């Protein structure tokens, strides 16, 4: 088998995402309670004005703003209290000049009122009279009808990720369900004669399979629905069977068997799944060089290295942007939250290769520093000790002690 043709990370990602197409998967309608983190499939239209009536944002007195102009502590404006507005009920008495009505936060303004004076800015003169100690302008302390959203207005655009605050807005509009992009279904396959089920006791030369646990969690974090299809030993019938089963899902992730070797059958099996087949076999990346990127009859297939660190680095560079793209999000946005830090020591890198360096973050003399966590790509503990990754781009020969870098947090 000839050694694979390595491609730069940026070129490989562009080729792969372009071949996958930028159309999101199909849409579905879910109850609002299940919409957190989902991506809106269409514009969400406001069915009614929000709020449906002018309401106060403070406790105080509904007034005509003009009646308060010029008021001060030395020369208050005197108003007669004509009513108290009950919470949850429409006002029954209109406001006339020189009058005020007592009102609580959230209450509806009576006809004729255009502002609310906070109770702290008033003084009681009698049971039915107050002094206004400072003026208010029209609209002050008032949420106007339709200010939070007007009937027919787009409340949320298509492609918007629903957070807790969006849930509150939709529920206030009476929308109890929302159309969202379906979560991509992701098949996860592990390969290797040395792997055993985590519930089994490893024999001589065997290790417990661990990539599936990480990949399942990462897929779920990024909005996908993971499905573990088990371990395929390094035999043609085993790998082919699981890959064919994976074609029932939106994406296939297969870890192990992507490097060069007489027993590595993954690339051969992937190439048989459909057209156009393998786009990239090998990227200029450390760790993660033996990566396979393919599309089989419109189905993205990613061959991840078997080493846990390599598998998770490759996931972040290629799988996460793919899942974002499949959900209608911008794939090119930062894949993880980042912080700026200074390197604690020199780190060398080969020109033409992208290096992803594990680091832990330290605080020293008021600055954030990134300390490399060294270790082989098969050592899961190095990822546990790390807080993030520093990517050294291919044109650079490394980073120097004290140099500022962007650290992608491992969250």
Foldseek 3Di string as FASTA:
>chain_A
DDFFDAAALVVVQVVQLVLLDLAAADKDKDFLVPQAQFFFAAFDFQAAWVPQAKFFQAWFKFAALVQQPPAAQVRWRKAWADEEFDPPDADDDADDHRHIYGYHGGTGHHHPGFEGQHRVQWADPDPTMITGHHGDDGNYRMDGTRNQHHGGDGNDGGGDTDHPVNSVSCVSSVNGMGMGGQAFEEEEEEEEPQEDDPVDDGDPSHDHQDQVVVVCVVSVVLRHHYDYPYYFYLDDVRLLVSVVVRVVTQEYEYEALQGDDPSRCNQVSQQPQAPPGWDGQAYQEPPWGRKTWTAHPSHTYIYTYNQNQNRVVVCQSHVSLSSCSNRVHHSPPHSADKDKAFEQAWDFDAAQGKYKFFWAWDADPNGIYTYTQDDDSNDVVSVVRGQFIFIDHRHDGTDGGGDMTITGGDD
